Amino acid sequence: MNENVIKFFKIYNADAALRERIDEAEACYPGSLEIRDSLVSAILLPEAEKLGLSFTVDELRKYEEEKWASVHSDVEQTEADLAKADEDERYWLINRGWSSDEARFCGDK
């Protein structure tokens, strides 16, 4: 895994101004599965590059998948525990609460 992803999110979690810049830019995009990779490329990756922490969408996806799997690997956790863990973590590519509204694109059938 690219260490820059980890470093970036440590900075992201600690820097309110960075989070605000990203949130403002993200607000210009609808929450749609179809554009999540583009959203990351247009917003998150340039901010990471400004910090000298370049990484790719694929590297971010691997990081998120590993993080999500580590949280969800404990079979002792309740559904409420898992939901709280997901609430506490911000994912850009997976489990983001975005949906694929097929009816919107393909009709109601």
PDB file of N, CA and C in Angstrom:
ATOM      1  N   MET A   1       0.836  -1.173   0.000  1.00  0.00           N
ATOM      2  CA  MET A   1       0.000   0.000   0.000  1.00  0.00           C
ATOM      3  C   MET A   1       0.887   1.244   0.000  1.00  0.00           C
ATOM      4  N   ASN A   2       0.438   2.257  -0.646  1.00  0.00           N
ATOM      5  CA  ASN A   2       1.171   3.507  -0.719  1.00  0.00           C
ATOM      6  C   ASN A   2       1.107   4.226   0.629  1.00  0.00           C
ATOM      7  N   GLU A   3       2.253   4.459   1.229  1.00  0.00           N
ATOM      8  CA  GLU A   3       2.321   5.129   2.535  1.00  0.00           C
ATOM      9  C   GLU A   3       1.798   6.563   2.458  1.00  0.00           C
ATOM     10  N   ASN A   4       1.815   7.165   1.268  1.00  0.00           N
ATOM     11  CA  ASN A   4       1.319   8.528   1.136  1.00  0.00           C
ATOM     12  C   ASN A   4      -0.171   8.625   1.463  1.00  0.00           C
ATOM     13  N   VAL A   5      -0.917   7.574   1.179  1.00  0.00           N
ATOM     14  CA  VAL A   5      -2.347   7.580   1.506  1.00  0.00           C
ATOM     15  C   VAL A   5      -2.510   7.692   3.025  1.00  0.00           C
ATOM     16  N   ILE A   6      -1.776   6.887   3.750  1.00  0.00           N
ATOM     17  CA  ILE A   6      -1.847   6.900   5.211  1.00  0.00           C
ATOM     18  C   ILE A   6      -1.432   8.262   5.752  1.00  0.00           C
ATOM     19  N   LYS A   7      -0.325   8.791   5.237  1.00  0.00           N
ATOM     20  CA  LYS A   7       0.158  10.101   5.687  1.00  0.00           C
ATOM     21  C   LYS A   7      -0.861  11.193   5.385  1.00  0.00           C
ATOM     22  N   PHE A   8      -1.448  11.137   4.186  1.00  0.00           N
ATOM     23  CA  PHE A   8      -2.431  12.145   3.808  1.00  0.00           C
ATOM     24  C   PHE A   8      -3.613  12.141   4.774  1.00  0.00           C
ATOM     25  N   PHE A   9      -4.134  10.968   5.100  1.00  0.00           N
ATOM     26  CA  PHE A   9      -5.309  10.923   5.964  1.00  0.00           C
ATOM     27  C   PHE A   9      -4.990  11.283   7.410  1.00  0.00           C
ATOM     28  N   LYS A  10      -3.761  11.108   7.835  1.00  0.00           N
ATOM     29  CA  LYS A  10      -3.368  11.608   9.159  1.00  0.00           C
ATOM     30  C   LYS A  10      -3.439  13.134   9.164  1.00  0.00           C
ATOM     31  N   ILE A  11      -2.930  13.748   8.100  1.00  0.00           N
ATOM     32  CA  ILE A  11      -3.000  15.207   7.981  1.00  0.00           C
ATOM     33  C   ILE A  11      -4.449  15.648   7.830  1.00  0.00           C
ATOM     34  N   TYR A  12      -5.193  14.971   6.975  1.00  0.00           N
ATOM     35  CA  TYR A  12      -6.606  15.297   6.722  1.00  0.00           C
ATOM     36  C   TYR A  12      -7.401  15.277   8.037  1.00  0.00           C
ATOM     37  N   ASN A  13      -7.209  14.254   8.842  1.00  0.00           N
ATOM     38  CA  ASN A  13      -7.945  14.136  10.098  1.00  0.00           C
ATOM     39  C   ASN A  13      -7.565  15.212  11.104  1.00  0.00           C
ATOM     40  N   ALA A  14      -6.348  15.742  11.016  1.00  0.00           N
ATOM     41  CA  ALA A  14      -5.868  16.736  11.972  1.00  0.00           C
ATOM     42  C   ALA A  14      -6.046  18.183  11.499  1.00  0.00           C
ATOM     43  N   ASP A  15      -6.304  18.388  10.213  1.00  0.00           N
ATOM     44  CA  ASP A  15      -6.313  19.734   9.634  1.00  0.00           C
ATOM     45  C   ASP A  15      -7.724  20.148   9.221  1.00  0.00           C
ATOM     46  N   ALA A  16      -8.366  20.951  10.057  1.00  0.00           N
ATOM     47  CA  ALA A  16      -9.738  21.389   9.781  1.00  0.00           C
ATOM     48  C   ALA A  16      -9.832  22.213   8.502  1.00  0.00           C
ATOM     49  N   ALA A  17      -8.830  23.020   8.214  1.00  0.00           N
ATOM     50  CA  ALA A  17      -8.857  23.853   7.001  1.00  0.00           C
ATOM     51  C   ALA A  17      -8.804  22.983   5.747  1.00  0.00           C
ATOM     52  N   LEU A  18      -8.002  21.938   5.769  1.00  0.00           N
ATOM     53  CA  LEU A  18      -7.938  21.011   4.637  1.00  0.00           C
ATOM     54  C   LEU A  18      -9.284  20.321   4.449  1.00  0.00           C
ATOM     55  N   ARG A  19      -9.869  19.845   5.535  1.00  0.00           N
ATOM     56  CA  ARG A  19     -11.182  19.188   5.438  1.00  0.00           C
ATOM     57  C   ARG A  19     -12.224  20.159   4.887  1.00  0.00           C
ATOM     58  N   GLU A  20     -12.178  21.402   5.317  1.00  0.00           N
ATOM     59  CA  GLU A  20     -13.143  22.394   4.843  1.00  0.00           C
ATOM     60  C   GLU A  20     -12.978  22.656   3.349  1.00  0.00           C
ATOM     61  N   ARG A  21     -11.734  22.801   2.866  1.00  0.00           N
ATOM     62  CA  ARG A  21     -11.493  22.999   1.428  1.00  0.00           C
ATOM     63  C   ARG A  21     -12.044  21.827   0.621  1.00  0.00           C
ATOM     64  N   ILE A  22     -11.788  20.633   1.100  1.00  0.00           N
ATOM     65  CA  ILE A  22     -12.246  19.442   0.386  1.00  0.00           C
ATOM     66  C   ILE A  22     -13.766  19.341   0.445  1.00  0.00           C
ATOM     67  N   ASP A  23     -14.352  19.618   1.599  1.00  0.00           N
ATOM     68  CA  ASP A  23     -15.816  19.567   1.722  1.00  0.00           C
ATOM     69  C   ASP A  23     -16.483  20.585   0.803  1.00  0.00           C
ATOM     70  N   GLU A  24     -15.917  21.780   0.706  1.00  0.00           N
ATOM     71  CA  GLU A  24     -16.479  22.806  -0.177  1.00  0.00           C
ATOM     72  C   GLU A  24     -16.414  22.375  -1.632  1.00  0.00           C
ATOM     73  N   ALA A  25     -15.289  21.817  -2.034  1.00  0.00           N
ATOM     74  CA  ALA A  25     -15.162  21.343  -3.418  1.00  0.00           C
ATOM     75  C   ALA A  25     -16.092  20.169  -3.672  1.00  0.00           C
ATOM     76  N   GLU A  26     -16.197  19.279  -2.705  1.00  0.00           N
ATOM     77  CA  GLU A  26     -17.047  18.096  -2.850  1.00  0.00           C
ATOM     78  C   GLU A  26     -18.524  18.476  -2.952  1.00  0.00           C
ATOM     79  N   ALA A  27     -18.922  19.551  -2.304  1.00  0.00           N
ATOM     80  CA  ALA A  27     -20.321  19.979  -2.324  1.00  0.00           C
ATOM     81  C   ALA A  27     -20.801  20.323  -3.727  1.00  0.00           C
ATOM     82  N   CYS A  28     -19.875  20.544  -4.644  1.00  0.00           N
ATOM     83  CA  CYS A  28     -20.226  20.860  -6.038  1.00  0.00           C
ATOM     84  C   CYS A  28     -20.599  19.618  -6.845  1.00  0.00           C
ATOM     85  N   TYR A  29     -20.400  18.442  -6.258  1.00  0.00           N
ATOM     86  CA  TYR A  29     -20.649  17.185  -6.958  1.00  0.00           C
ATOM     87  C   TYR A  29     -21.828  16.456  -6.334  1.00  0.00           C
ATOM     88  N   PRO A  30     -22.672  15.839  -7.162  1.00  0.00           N
ATOM     89  CA  PRO A  30     -23.743  15.017  -6.582  1.00  0.00           C
ATOM     90  C   PRO A  30     -23.160  13.726  -6.017  1.00  0.00           C
ATOM     91  N   GLY A  31     -23.793  13.164  -5.040  1.00  0.00           N
ATOM     92  CA  GLY A  31     -23.339  11.900  -4.449  1.00  0.00           C
ATOM     93  C   GLY A  31     -23.771  10.734  -5.308  1.00  0.00           C
ATOM     94  N   SER A  32     -22.959  10.336  -6.214  1.00  0.00           N
ATOM     95  CA  SER A  32     -23.322   9.291  -7.162  1.00  0.00           C
ATOM     96  C   SER A  32     -22.162   8.324  -7.352  1.00  0.00           C
ATOM     97  N   LEU A  33     -22.486   7.048  -7.353  1.00  0.00           N
ATOM     98  CA  LEU A  33     -21.454   6.041  -7.566  1.00  0.00           C
ATOM     99  C   LEU A  33     -20.733   6.225  -8.891  1.00  0.00           C
ATOM    100  N   GLU A  34     -21.446   6.741  -9.881  1.00  0.00           N
ATOM    101  CA  GLU A  34     -20.883   6.858 -11.219  1.00  0.00           C
ATOM    102  C   GLU A  34     -19.721   7.833 -11.297  1.00  0.00           C
ATOM    103  N   ILE A  35     -19.620   8.768 -10.350  1.00  0.00           N
ATOM    104  CA  ILE A  35     -18.553   9.771 -10.446  1.00  0.00           C
ATOM    105  C   ILE A  35     -17.558   9.709  -9.303  1.00  0.00           C
ATOM    106  N   ARG A  36     -17.630   8.713  -8.446  1.00  0.00           N
ATOM    107  CA  ARG A  36     -16.761   8.733  -7.265  1.00  0.00           C
ATOM    108  C   ARG A  36     -15.283   8.721  -7.621  1.00  0.00           C
ATOM    109  N   ASP A  37     -14.871   7.959  -8.639  1.00  0.00           N
ATOM    110  CA  ASP A  37     -13.460   7.970  -9.036  1.00  0.00           C
ATOM    111  C   ASP A  37     -13.066   9.352  -9.559  1.00  0.00           C
ATOM    112  N   SER A  38     -13.956   9.966 -10.341  1.00  0.00           N
ATOM    113  CA  SER A  38     -13.687  11.306 -10.871  1.00  0.00           C
ATOM    114  C   SER A  38     -13.624  12.329  -9.750  1.00  0.00           C
ATOM    115  N   LEU A  39     -14.481  12.191  -8.773  1.00  0.00           N
ATOM    116  CA  LEU A  39     -14.484  13.087  -7.627  1.00  0.00           C
ATOM    117  C   LEU A  39     -13.151  13.028  -6.890  1.00  0.00           C
ATOM    118  N   VAL A  40     -12.670  11.826  -6.670  1.00  0.00           N
ATOM    119  CA  VAL A  40     -11.377  11.657  -6.001  1.00  0.00           C
ATOM    120  C   VAL A  40     -10.269  12.283  -6.839  1.00  0.00           C
ATOM    121  N   SER A  41     -10.305  12.041  -8.148  1.00  0.00           N
ATOM    122  CA  SER A  41      -9.273  12.584  -9.038  1.00  0.00           C
ATOM    123  C   SER A  41      -9.300  14.102  -9.092  1.00  0.00           C
ATOM    124  N   ALA A  42     -10.500  14.679  -9.031  1.00  0.00           N
ATOM    125  CA  ALA A  42     -10.637  16.126  -9.167  1.00  0.00           C
ATOM    126  C   ALA A  42     -10.418  16.880  -7.859  1.00  0.00           C
ATOM    127  N   ILE A  43     -10.666  16.237  -6.732  1.00  0.00           N
ATOM    128  CA  ILE A  43     -10.623  16.953  -5.454  1.00  0.00           C
ATOM    129  C   ILE A  43      -9.528  16.437  -4.528  1.00  0.00           C
ATOM    130  N   LEU A  44      -9.581  15.172  -4.212  1.00  0.00           N
ATOM    131  CA  LEU A  44      -8.694  14.628  -3.184  1.00  0.00           C
ATOM    132  C   LEU A  44      -7.244  14.523  -3.651  1.00  0.00           C
ATOM    133  N   LEU A  45      -7.023  13.967  -4.839  1.00  0.00           N
ATOM    134  CA  LEU A  45      -5.650  13.757  -5.311  1.00  0.00           C
ATOM    135  C   LEU A  45      -4.874  15.063  -5.484  1.00  0.00           C
ATOM    136  N   PRO A  46      -5.489  16.133  -6.033  1.00  0.00           N
ATOM    137  CA  PRO A  46      -4.742  17.395  -6.124  1.00  0.00           C
ATOM    138  C   PRO A  46      -4.354  17.967  -4.752  1.00  0.00           C
ATOM    139  N   GLU A  47      -5.233  17.818  -3.773  1.00  0.00           N
ATOM    140  CA  GLU A  47      -4.894  18.285  -2.420  1.00  0.00           C
ATOM    141  C   GLU A  47      -3.733  17.471  -1.850  1.00  0.00           C
ATOM    142  N   ALA A  48      -3.751  16.168  -2.090  1.00  0.00           N
ATOM    143  CA  ALA A  48      -2.644  15.323  -1.627  1.00  0.00           C
ATOM    144  C   ALA A  48      -1.338  15.716  -2.311  1.00  0.00           C
ATOM    145  N   GLU A  49      -1.408  16.004  -3.608  1.00  0.00           N
ATOM    146  CA  GLU A  49      -0.207  16.403  -4.351  1.00  0.00           C
ATOM    147  C   GLU A  49       0.363  17.711  -3.817  1.00  0.00           C
ATOM    148  N   LYS A  50      -0.504  18.651  -3.430  1.00  0.00           N
ATOM    149  CA  LYS A  50      -0.036  19.915  -2.852  1.00  0.00           C
ATOM    150  C   LYS A  50       0.796  19.674  -1.597  1.00  0.00           C
ATOM    151  N   LEU A  51       0.494  18.584  -0.911  1.00  0.00           N
ATOM    152  CA  LEU A  51       1.220  18.228   0.311  1.00  0.00           C
ATOM    153  C   LEU A  51       2.424  17.333   0.022  1.00  0.00           C
ATOM    154  N   GLY A  52       2.659  17.048  -1.272  1.00  0.00           N
ATOM    155  CA  GLY A  52       3.765  16.176  -1.654  1.00  0.00           C
ATOM    156  C   GLY A  52       3.488  14.711  -1.366  1.00  0.00           C
ATOM    157  N   LEU A  53       2.198  14.351  -1.332  1.00  0.00           N
ATOM    158  CA  LEU A  53       1.796  12.983  -0.991  1.00  0.00           C
ATOM    159  C   LEU A  53       0.958  12.376  -2.107  1.00  0.00           C
ATOM    160  N   SER A  54       1.563  12.209  -3.251  1.00  0.00           N
ATOM    161  CA  SER A  54       0.837  11.687  -4.404  1.00  0.00           C
ATOM    162  C   SER A  54       0.469  10.223  -4.220  1.00  0.00           C
ATOM    163  N   PHE A  55      -0.743   9.892  -4.680  1.00  0.00           N
ATOM    164  CA  PHE A  55      -1.194   8.506  -4.746  1.00  0.00           C
ATOM    165  C   PHE A  55      -2.281   8.417  -5.803  1.00  0.00           C
ATOM    166  N   THR A  56      -2.656   7.213  -6.155  1.00  0.00           N
ATOM    167  CA  THR A  56      -3.638   6.999  -7.217  1.00  0.00           C
ATOM    168  C   THR A  56      -4.981   6.583  -6.631  1.00  0.00           C
ATOM    169  N   VAL A  57      -6.001   6.611  -7.476  1.00  0.00           N
ATOM    170  CA  VAL A  57      -7.326   6.138  -7.081  1.00  0.00           C
ATOM    171  C   VAL A  57      -7.250   4.670  -6.664  1.00  0.00           C
ATOM    172  N   ASP A  58      -6.508   3.872  -7.406  1.00  0.00           N
ATOM    173  CA  ASP A  58      -6.374   2.455  -7.069  1.00  0.00           C
ATOM    174  C   ASP A  58      -5.695   2.255  -5.719  1.00  0.00           C
ATOM    175  N   GLU A  59      -4.698   3.068  -5.415  1.00  0.00           N
ATOM    176  CA  GLU A  59      -4.026   2.972  -4.113  1.00  0.00           C
ATOM    177  C   GLU A  59      -4.972   3.381  -2.983  1.00  0.00           C
ATOM    178  N   LEU A  60      -5.796   4.389  -3.227  1.00  0.00           N
ATOM    179  CA  LEU A  60      -6.789   4.787  -2.237  1.00  0.00           C
ATOM    180  C   LEU A  60      -7.807   3.667  -2.031  1.00  0.00           C
ATOM    181  N   ARG A  61      -8.257   3.059  -3.109  1.00  0.00           N
ATOM    182  CA  ARG A  61      -9.226   1.965  -3.010  1.00  0.00           C
ATOM    183  C   ARG A  61      -8.651   0.811  -2.177  1.00  0.00           C
ATOM    184  N   LYS A  62      -7.400   0.448  -2.420  1.00  0.00           N
ATOM    185  CA  LYS A  62      -6.766  -0.638  -1.660  1.00  0.00           C
ATOM    186  C   LYS A  62      -6.686  -0.260  -0.176  1.00  0.00           C
ATOM    187  N   TYR A  63      -6.299   0.969   0.110  1.00  0.00           N
ATOM    188  CA  TYR A  63      -6.226   1.447   1.494  1.00  0.00           C
ATOM    189  C   TYR A  63      -7.590   1.335   2.174  1.00  0.00           C
ATOM    190  N   GLU A  64      -8.636   1.805   1.500  1.00  0.00           N
ATOM    191  CA  GLU A  64      -9.975   1.768   2.080  1.00  0.00           C
ATOM    192  C   GLU A  64     -10.474   0.340   2.261  1.00  0.00           C
ATOM    193  N   GLU A  65     -10.216  -0.505   1.295  1.00  0.00           N
ATOM    194  CA  GLU A  65     -10.650  -1.898   1.412  1.00  0.00           C
ATOM    195  C   GLU A  65      -9.977  -2.580   2.595  1.00  0.00           C
ATOM    196  N   GLU A  66      -8.685  -2.330   2.778  1.00  0.00           N
ATOM    197  CA  GLU A  66      -7.964  -2.922   3.904  1.00  0.00           C
ATOM    198  C   GLU A  66      -8.460  -2.353   5.233  1.00  0.00           C
ATOM    199  N   LYS A  67      -8.710  -1.052   5.271  1.00  0.00           N
ATOM    200  CA  LYS A  67      -9.211  -0.416   6.494  1.00  0.00           C
ATOM    201  C   LYS A  67     -10.604  -0.954   6.834  1.00  0.00           C
ATOM    202  N   TRP A  68     -11.475  -1.030   5.834  1.00  0.00           N
ATOM    203  CA  TRP A  68     -12.832  -1.522   6.050  1.00  0.00           C
ATOM    204  C   TRP A  68     -12.798  -2.978   6.511  1.00  0.00           C
ATOM    205  N   ALA A  69     -11.968  -3.787   5.880  1.00  0.00           N
ATOM    206  CA  ALA A  69     -11.876  -5.204   6.242  1.00  0.00           C
ATOM    207  C   ALA A  69     -11.366  -5.371   7.668  1.00  0.00           C
ATOM    208  N   SER A  70     -10.419  -4.550   8.076  1.00  0.00           N
ATOM    209  CA  SER A  70      -9.884  -4.682   9.440  1.00  0.00           C
ATOM    210  C   SER A  70     -10.939  -4.326  10.477  1.00  0.00           C
ATOM    211  N   VAL A  71     -11.769  -3.338  10.191  1.00  0.00           N
ATOM    212  CA  VAL A  71     -12.836  -2.950  11.112  1.00  0.00           C
ATOM    213  C   VAL A  71     -13.908  -4.034  11.185  1.00  0.00           C
ATOM    214  N   HIS A  72     -14.196  -4.651  10.036  1.00  0.00           N
ATOM    215  CA  HIS A  72     -15.299  -5.605   9.961  1.00  0.00           C
ATOM    216  C   HIS A  72     -14.875  -7.059  10.156  1.00  0.00           C
ATOM    217  N   SER A  73     -13.621  -7.291  10.482  1.00  0.00           N
ATOM    218  CA  SER A  73     -13.145  -8.668  10.645  1.00  0.00           C
ATOM    219  C   SER A  73     -13.446  -9.238  12.022  1.00  0.00           C
ATOM    220  N   ASP A  74     -13.757  -8.387  12.961  1.00  0.00           N
ATOM    221  CA  ASP A  74     -14.052  -8.837  14.327  1.00  0.00           C
ATOM    222  C   ASP A  74     -15.500  -9.317  14.396  1.00  0.00           C
ATOM    223  N   VAL A  75     -15.691 -10.634  14.444  1.00  0.00           N
ATOM    224  CA  VAL A  75     -17.036 -11.205  14.437  1.00  0.00           C
ATOM    225  C   VAL A  75     -17.789 -10.923  15.733  1.00  0.00           C
ATOM    226  N   GLU A  76     -17.096 -10.458  16.759  1.00  0.00           N
ATOM    227  CA  GLU A  76     -17.727 -10.163  18.048  1.00  0.00           C
ATOM    228  C   GLU A  76     -18.496  -8.833  18.027  1.00  0.00           C
ATOM    229  N   GLN A  77     -18.230  -8.004  17.031  1.00  0.00           N
ATOM    230  CA  GLN A  77     -18.871  -6.695  16.989  1.00  0.00           C
ATOM    231  C   GLN A  77     -20.341  -6.820  16.590  1.00  0.00           C
ATOM    232  N   THR A  78     -21.159  -5.992  17.197  1.00  0.00           N
ATOM    233  CA  THR A  78     -22.571  -5.959  16.842  1.00  0.00           C
ATOM    234  C   THR A  78     -22.754  -5.090  15.599  1.00  0.00           C
ATOM    235  N   GLU A  79     -23.936  -5.156  15.020  1.00  0.00           N
ATOM    236  CA  GLU A  79     -24.237  -4.296  13.870  1.00  0.00           C
ATOM    237  C   GLU A  79     -24.105  -2.823  14.253  1.00  0.00           C
ATOM    238  N   ALA A  80     -24.509  -2.486  15.463  1.00  0.00           N
ATOM    239  CA  ALA A  80     -24.404  -1.098  15.928  1.00  0.00           C
ATOM    240  C   ALA A  80     -22.939  -0.671  16.024  1.00  0.00           C
ATOM    241  N   ASP A  81     -22.080  -1.580  16.508  1.00  0.00           N
ATOM    242  CA  ASP A  81     -20.649  -1.281  16.594  1.00  0.00           C
ATOM    243  C   ASP A  81     -20.078  -1.025  15.208  1.00  0.00           C
ATOM    244  N   LEU A  82     -20.457  -1.866  14.251  1.00  0.00           N
ATOM    245  CA  LEU A  82     -19.954  -1.722  12.884  1.00  0.00           C
ATOM    246  C   LEU A  82     -20.448  -0.424  12.259  1.00  0.00           C
ATOM    247  N   ALA A  83     -21.713  -0.100  12.483  1.00  0.00           N
ATOM    248  CA  ALA A  83     -22.261   1.147  11.939  1.00  0.00           C
ATOM    249  C   ALA A  83     -21.537   2.348  12.529  1.00  0.00           C
ATOM    250  N   LYS A  84     -21.254   2.306  13.831  1.00  0.00           N
ATOM    251  CA  LYS A  84     -20.533   3.406  14.487  1.00  0.00           C
ATOM    252  C   LYS A  84     -19.115   3.532  13.931  1.00  0.00           C
ATOM    253  N   ALA A  85     -18.456   2.399  13.713  1.00  0.00           N
ATOM    254  CA  ALA A  85     -17.105   2.416  13.154  1.00  0.00           C
ATOM    255  C   ALA A  85     -17.114   3.028  11.755  1.00  0.00           C
ATOM    256  N   ASP A  86     -18.111   2.683  10.957  1.00  0.00           N
ATOM    257  CA  ASP A  86     -18.206   3.248   9.609  1.00  0.00           C
ATOM    258  C   ASP A  86     -18.521   4.735   9.665  1.00  0.00           C
ATOM    259  N   GLU A  87     -19.315   5.166  10.640  1.00  0.00           N
ATOM    260  CA  GLU A  87     -19.627   6.578  10.813  1.00  0.00           C
ATOM    261  C   GLU A  87     -18.383   7.379  11.168  1.00  0.00           C
ATOM    262  N   ASP A  88     -17.520   6.775  11.983  1.00  0.00           N
ATOM    263  CA  ASP A  88     -16.312   7.450  12.441  1.00  0.00           C
ATOM    264  C   ASP A  88     -15.248   7.560  11.361  1.00  0.00           C
ATOM    265  N   GLU A  89     -15.309   6.713  10.373  1.00  0.00           N
ATOM    266  CA  GLU A  89     -14.325   6.712   9.292  1.00  0.00           C
ATOM    267  C   GLU A  89     -14.934   7.315   8.037  1.00  0.00           C
ATOM    268  N   ARG A  90     -14.128   8.019   7.291  1.00  0.00           N
ATOM    269  CA  ARG A  90     -14.589   8.590   6.028  1.00  0.00           C
ATOM    270  C   ARG A  90     -13.985   7.793   4.893  1.00  0.00           C
ATOM    271  N   TYR A  91     -14.850   7.236   4.078  1.00  0.00           N
ATOM    272  CA  TYR A  91     -14.418   6.493   2.906  1.00  0.00           C
ATOM    273  C   TYR A  91     -14.796   7.299   1.664  1.00  0.00           C
ATOM    274  N   TRP A  92     -13.897   7.351   0.721  1.00  0.00           N
ATOM    275  CA  TRP A  92     -14.149   8.088  -0.519  1.00  0.00           C
ATOM    276  C   TRP A  92     -14.671   7.195  -1.624  1.00  0.00           C
ATOM    277  N   LEU A  93     -14.304   5.931  -1.593  1.00  0.00           N
ATOM    278  CA  LEU A  93     -14.653   5.052  -2.707  1.00  0.00           C
ATOM    279  C   LEU A  93     -15.594   3.919  -2.323  1.00  0.00           C
ATOM    280  N   ILE A  94     -15.526   3.473  -1.093  1.00  0.00           N
ATOM    281  CA  ILE A  94     -16.378   2.356  -0.693  1.00  0.00           C
ATOM    282  C   ILE A  94     -17.288   2.780   0.449  1.00  0.00           C
ATOM    283  N   ASN A  95     -18.450   2.179   0.513  1.00  0.00           N
ATOM    284  CA  ASN A  95     -19.363   2.342   1.643  1.00  0.00           C
ATOM    285  C   ASN A  95     -19.548   3.808   2.022  1.00  0.00           C
ATOM    286  N   ARG A  96     -19.725   4.637   1.009  1.00  0.00           N
ATOM    287  CA  ARG A  96     -19.791   6.074   1.259  1.00  0.00           C
ATOM    288  C   ARG A  96     -21.214   6.579   1.449  1.00  0.00           C
ATOM    289  N   GLY A  97     -22.177   5.712   1.328  1.00  0.00           N
ATOM    290  CA  GLY A  97     -23.555   6.149   1.422  1.00  0.00           C
ATOM    291  C   GLY A  97     -24.085   6.630   0.088  1.00  0.00           C
ATOM    292  N   TRP A  98     -23.250   6.542  -0.930  1.00  0.00           N
ATOM    293  CA  TRP A  98     -23.717   6.892  -2.258  1.00  0.00           C
ATOM    294  C   TRP A  98     -24.469   5.706  -2.811  1.00  0.00           C
ATOM    295  N   SER A  99     -25.348   5.958  -3.740  1.00  0.00           N
ATOM    296  CA  SER A  99     -26.112   4.863  -4.302  1.00  0.00           C
ATOM    297  C   SER A  99     -26.110   4.936  -5.812  1.00  0.00           C
ATOM    298  N   SER A 100     -26.408   3.836  -6.394  1.00  0.00           N
ATOM    299  CA  SER A 100     -26.542   3.767  -7.841  1.00  0.00           C
ATOM    300  C   SER A 100     -28.037   3.743  -8.139  1.00  0.00           C
ATOM    301  N   ASP A 101     -28.565   4.867  -8.519  1.00  0.00           N
ATOM    302  CA  ASP A 101     -29.995   4.999  -8.767  1.00  0.00           C
ATOM    303  C   ASP A 101     -30.284   4.602 -10.206  1.00  0.00           C
ATOM    304  N   GLU A 102     -30.387   3.293 -10.440  1.00  0.00           N
ATOM    305  CA  GLU A 102     -30.591   2.794 -11.798  1.00  0.00           C
ATOM    306  C   GLU A 102     -31.895   3.283 -12.395  1.00  0.00           C
ATOM    307  N   ALA A 103     -32.930   3.432 -11.585  1.00  0.00           N
ATOM    308  CA  ALA A 103     -34.215   3.899 -12.100  1.00  0.00           C
ATOM    309  C   ALA A 103     -34.077   5.277 -12.725  1.00  0.00           C
ATOM    310  N   ARG A 104     -33.190   6.079 -12.171  1.00  0.00           N
ATOM    311  CA  ARG A 104     -32.973   7.427 -12.695  1.00  0.00           C
ATOM    312  C   ARG A 104     -32.393   7.391 -14.109  1.00  0.00           C
ATOM    313  N   PHE A 105     -31.568   6.386 -14.384  1.00  0.00           N
ATOM    314  CA  PHE A 105     -30.908   6.298 -15.677  1.00  0.00           C
ATOM    315  C   PHE A 105     -31.576   5.324 -16.638  1.00  0.00           C
ATOM    316  N   CYS A 106     -32.265   4.335 -16.098  1.00  0.00           N
ATOM    317  CA  CYS A 106     -32.814   3.268 -16.942  1.00  0.00           C
ATOM    318  C   CYS A 106     -34.329   3.215 -16.919  1.00  0.00           C
ATOM    319  N   GLY A 107     -34.969   4.116 -16.262  1.00  0.00           N
ATOM    320  CA  GLY A 107     -36.412   4.050 -16.123  1.00  0.00           C
ATOM    321  C   GLY A 107     -36.769   3.225 -14.908  1.00  0.00           C
ATOM    322  N   ASP A 108     -38.056   3.113 -14.634  1.00  0.00           N
ATOM    323  CA  ASP A 108     -38.506   2.430 -13.429  1.00  0.00           C
ATOM    324  C   ASP A 108     -38.509   0.910 -13.546  1.00  0.00           C
ATOM    325  N   LYS A 109     -38.205   0.365 -14.687  1.00  0.00           N
ATOM    326  CA  LYS A 109     -38.278  -1.090 -14.881  1.00  0.00           C
ATOM    327  C   LYS A 109     -37.096  -1.808 -14.308  1.00  0.00           C
TER     328      LYS A 109
END
